[in-house]
């Protein structure tokens, strides 16, 4: 399965962004999200979804930017 970024906020539906870029390269996962006034925090989950049982299959995350 492909890597994903899941943005969660209480009382809101999860936003799931799936990596559809090329393999073996750095790909950017991005989303435009406006936080609901019902909560003062969000949770960002970075999921590799790696199910490989052999070989060298790495998933790396770097530089989480929030503005």
N, C-alpha and C. Protein backbone atom coordinates (compact mmCIF):
# COMPACT_ATOMS: atom_id res chain seq x y z
N UNK A 1 0.84 -1.19 0.00
CA UNK A 1 0.00 0.00 0.00
C UNK A 1 0.89 1.25 0.00
N UNK A 2 0.34 2.34 -0.41
CA UNK A 2 1.09 3.59 -0.55
C UNK A 2 1.11 4.38 0.75
N UNK A 3 2.18 5.17 0.98
CA UNK A 3 2.24 6.03 2.17
C UNK A 3 1.12 7.06 2.17
N UNK A 4 0.71 7.45 3.38
CA UNK A 4 -0.38 8.41 3.51
C UNK A 4 -0.11 9.42 4.62
N UNK A 5 -0.76 10.58 4.50
CA UNK A 5 -0.83 11.56 5.57
C UNK A 5 -2.30 11.69 5.93
N UNK A 6 -2.64 11.47 7.20
CA UNK A 6 -4.02 11.56 7.64
C UNK A 6 -4.11 12.70 8.65
N UNK A 7 -4.99 13.67 8.37
CA UNK A 7 -5.20 14.81 9.26
C UNK A 7 -6.50 14.58 10.00
N UNK A 8 -6.41 14.61 11.34
CA UNK A 8 -7.58 14.32 12.18
C UNK A 8 -7.86 15.50 13.10
N UNK A 9 -9.16 15.77 13.29
CA UNK A 9 -9.59 16.78 14.24
C UNK A 9 -10.89 16.28 14.86
N UNK A 10 -11.01 16.39 16.19
CA UNK A 10 -12.25 15.93 16.83
C UNK A 10 -13.49 16.55 16.18
N UNK A 11 -14.51 15.74 16.00
CA UNK A 11 -15.82 16.10 15.43
C UNK A 11 -15.78 16.40 13.93
N UNK A 12 -14.65 16.15 13.27
CA UNK A 12 -14.53 16.38 11.84
C UNK A 12 -14.15 15.07 11.15
N UNK A 13 -14.46 14.95 9.87
CA UNK A 13 -14.05 13.78 9.10
C UNK A 13 -12.55 13.82 8.88
N UNK A 14 -11.90 12.65 8.92
CA UNK A 14 -10.47 12.57 8.63
C UNK A 14 -10.20 12.96 7.19
N UNK A 15 -9.07 13.61 6.97
CA UNK A 15 -8.61 13.95 5.61
C UNK A 15 -7.42 13.06 5.32
N UNK A 16 -7.52 12.25 4.28
CA UNK A 16 -6.46 11.31 3.93
C UNK A 16 -5.85 11.68 2.60
N UNK A 17 -4.53 11.91 2.60
CA UNK A 17 -3.79 12.25 1.39
C UNK A 17 -2.84 11.09 1.12
N UNK A 18 -2.97 10.47 -0.06
CA UNK A 18 -2.18 9.29 -0.41
C UNK A 18 -1.11 9.65 -1.42
N UNK A 19 0.11 9.14 -1.21
CA UNK A 19 1.24 9.37 -2.11
C UNK A 19 0.97 8.67 -3.44
N UNK A 20 0.91 9.44 -4.51
CA UNK A 20 0.72 8.87 -5.85
C UNK A 20 1.91 9.17 -6.75
N UNK A 21 3.01 9.63 -6.15
CA UNK A 21 4.21 9.96 -6.90
C UNK A 21 5.01 8.74 -7.28
N UNK A 22 6.14 8.98 -7.86
CA UNK A 22 7.04 7.91 -8.30
C UNK A 22 7.68 7.20 -7.12
N UNK A 23 7.95 5.91 -7.30
CA UNK A 23 8.65 5.16 -6.26
C UNK A 23 10.13 5.54 -6.28
N UNK A 24 10.80 5.33 -5.16
CA UNK A 24 12.23 5.58 -5.00
C UNK A 24 12.60 7.05 -5.21
N UNK A 25 11.67 7.97 -4.96
CA UNK A 25 11.95 9.40 -5.01
C UNK A 25 11.27 10.07 -3.82
N UNK A 26 11.68 11.32 -3.55
CA UNK A 26 11.00 12.11 -2.53
C UNK A 26 9.73 12.68 -3.16
N UNK A 27 8.60 12.42 -2.55
CA UNK A 27 7.32 12.93 -3.02
C UNK A 27 6.72 13.84 -1.95
N UNK A 28 5.97 14.83 -2.37
CA UNK A 28 5.38 15.79 -1.45
C UNK A 28 3.90 15.47 -1.27
N UNK A 29 3.49 15.35 0.00
CA UNK A 29 2.08 15.20 0.32
C UNK A 29 1.62 16.54 0.87
N UNK A 30 0.59 17.11 0.28
CA UNK A 30 0.15 18.44 0.69
C UNK A 30 -1.37 18.50 0.76
N UNK A 31 -1.88 19.37 1.61
CA UNK A 31 -3.32 19.55 1.74
C UNK A 31 -3.58 20.96 2.24
N UNK A 32 -4.67 21.55 1.80
CA UNK A 32 -5.13 22.84 2.32
C UNK A 32 -6.26 22.54 3.28
N UNK A 33 -6.04 22.85 4.55
CA UNK A 33 -6.96 22.46 5.60
C UNK A 33 -7.27 23.66 6.47
N UNK A 34 -8.54 23.94 6.70
CA UNK A 34 -8.95 25.01 7.60
C UNK A 34 -9.49 24.36 8.86
N UNK A 35 -8.83 24.64 9.96
CA UNK A 35 -9.21 24.04 11.23
C UNK A 35 -10.58 24.52 11.68
N UNK A 36 -11.39 23.60 12.20
CA UNK A 36 -12.70 23.93 12.74
C UNK A 36 -12.54 24.67 14.07
N UNK A 37 -13.46 25.55 14.35
CA UNK A 37 -13.42 26.30 15.61
C UNK A 37 -13.83 25.44 16.80
N UNK A 38 -14.32 24.22 16.53
CA UNK A 38 -14.79 23.35 17.62
C UNK A 38 -13.66 22.72 18.43
N UNK A 39 -12.43 22.81 17.95
CA UNK A 39 -11.28 22.24 18.65
C UNK A 39 -10.05 23.10 18.40
N UNK A 40 -9.14 23.08 19.36
CA UNK A 40 -7.93 23.91 19.21
C UNK A 40 -6.70 23.09 18.84
N UNK A 41 -6.89 21.86 18.32
CA UNK A 41 -5.75 21.06 17.89
C UNK A 41 -6.13 20.13 16.76
N UNK A 42 -5.12 19.68 16.01
CA UNK A 42 -5.29 18.64 15.00
C UNK A 42 -4.20 17.59 15.21
N UNK A 43 -4.42 16.41 14.67
CA UNK A 43 -3.44 15.32 14.73
C UNK A 43 -3.05 15.01 13.30
N UNK A 44 -1.75 14.95 13.02
CA UNK A 44 -1.26 14.56 11.70
C UNK A 44 -0.59 13.21 11.85
N UNK A 45 -1.14 12.20 11.19
CA UNK A 45 -0.59 10.85 11.23
C UNK A 45 0.12 10.58 9.90
N UNK A 46 1.37 10.15 9.97
CA UNK A 46 2.14 9.78 8.79
C UNK A 46 2.25 8.27 8.78
N UNK A 47 1.64 7.62 7.78
CA UNK A 47 1.56 6.17 7.74
C UNK A 47 2.34 5.63 6.55
N UNK A 48 3.28 4.72 6.81
CA UNK A 48 4.06 4.15 5.70
C UNK A 48 3.24 3.11 4.94
N UNK A 49 2.37 2.37 5.64
CA UNK A 49 1.56 1.31 5.04
C UNK A 49 2.42 0.24 4.36
N UNK A 50 3.66 0.10 4.79
CA UNK A 50 4.58 -0.87 4.21
C UNK A 50 4.22 -2.28 4.67
N UNK A 51 3.95 -3.16 3.73
CA UNK A 51 3.61 -4.55 4.05
C UNK A 51 4.64 -5.52 3.50
N UNK A 52 5.81 -5.03 3.10
CA UNK A 52 6.86 -5.88 2.54
C UNK A 52 7.34 -6.89 3.58
N UNK A 53 7.59 -8.11 3.14
CA UNK A 53 8.09 -9.14 4.05
C UNK A 53 9.55 -9.48 3.79
N UNK A 54 10.12 -8.95 2.72
CA UNK A 54 11.54 -9.18 2.44
C UNK A 54 12.06 -8.04 1.57
N UNK A 55 13.38 -7.94 1.48
CA UNK A 55 13.98 -6.88 0.67
C UNK A 55 14.17 -5.61 1.48
N UNK A 56 14.58 -4.57 0.81
CA UNK A 56 14.83 -3.29 1.45
C UNK A 56 13.80 -2.29 0.95
N UNK A 57 12.75 -2.11 1.70
CA UNK A 57 11.67 -1.20 1.32
C UNK A 57 11.51 -0.15 2.40
N UNK A 58 12.12 1.00 2.20
CA UNK A 58 12.08 2.05 3.21
C UNK A 58 11.05 3.11 2.88
N UNK A 59 10.43 3.65 3.91
CA UNK A 59 9.55 4.80 3.78
C UNK A 59 10.06 5.85 4.75
N UNK A 60 10.31 7.07 4.26
CA UNK A 60 10.88 8.12 5.08
C UNK A 60 10.00 9.36 4.99
N UNK A 61 9.85 10.06 6.11
CA UNK A 61 9.11 11.31 6.16
C UNK A 61 10.06 12.39 6.65
N UNK A 62 9.93 13.61 6.11
CA UNK A 62 10.83 14.69 6.46
C UNK A 62 10.08 16.01 6.30
N UNK A 63 10.38 16.97 7.14
CA UNK A 63 9.89 18.35 7.01
C UNK A 63 8.37 18.48 7.00
N UNK A 64 7.76 18.43 8.14
CA UNK A 64 6.34 18.71 8.28
C UNK A 64 6.18 20.21 8.49
N UNK A 65 5.56 20.89 7.52
CA UNK A 65 5.38 22.33 7.57
C UNK A 65 3.91 22.68 7.77
N UNK A 66 3.63 23.54 8.74
CA UNK A 66 2.27 23.99 9.02
C UNK A 66 2.27 25.52 9.02
N UNK A 67 1.34 26.08 8.28
CA UNK A 67 1.26 27.55 8.29
C UNK A 67 -0.17 28.00 8.26
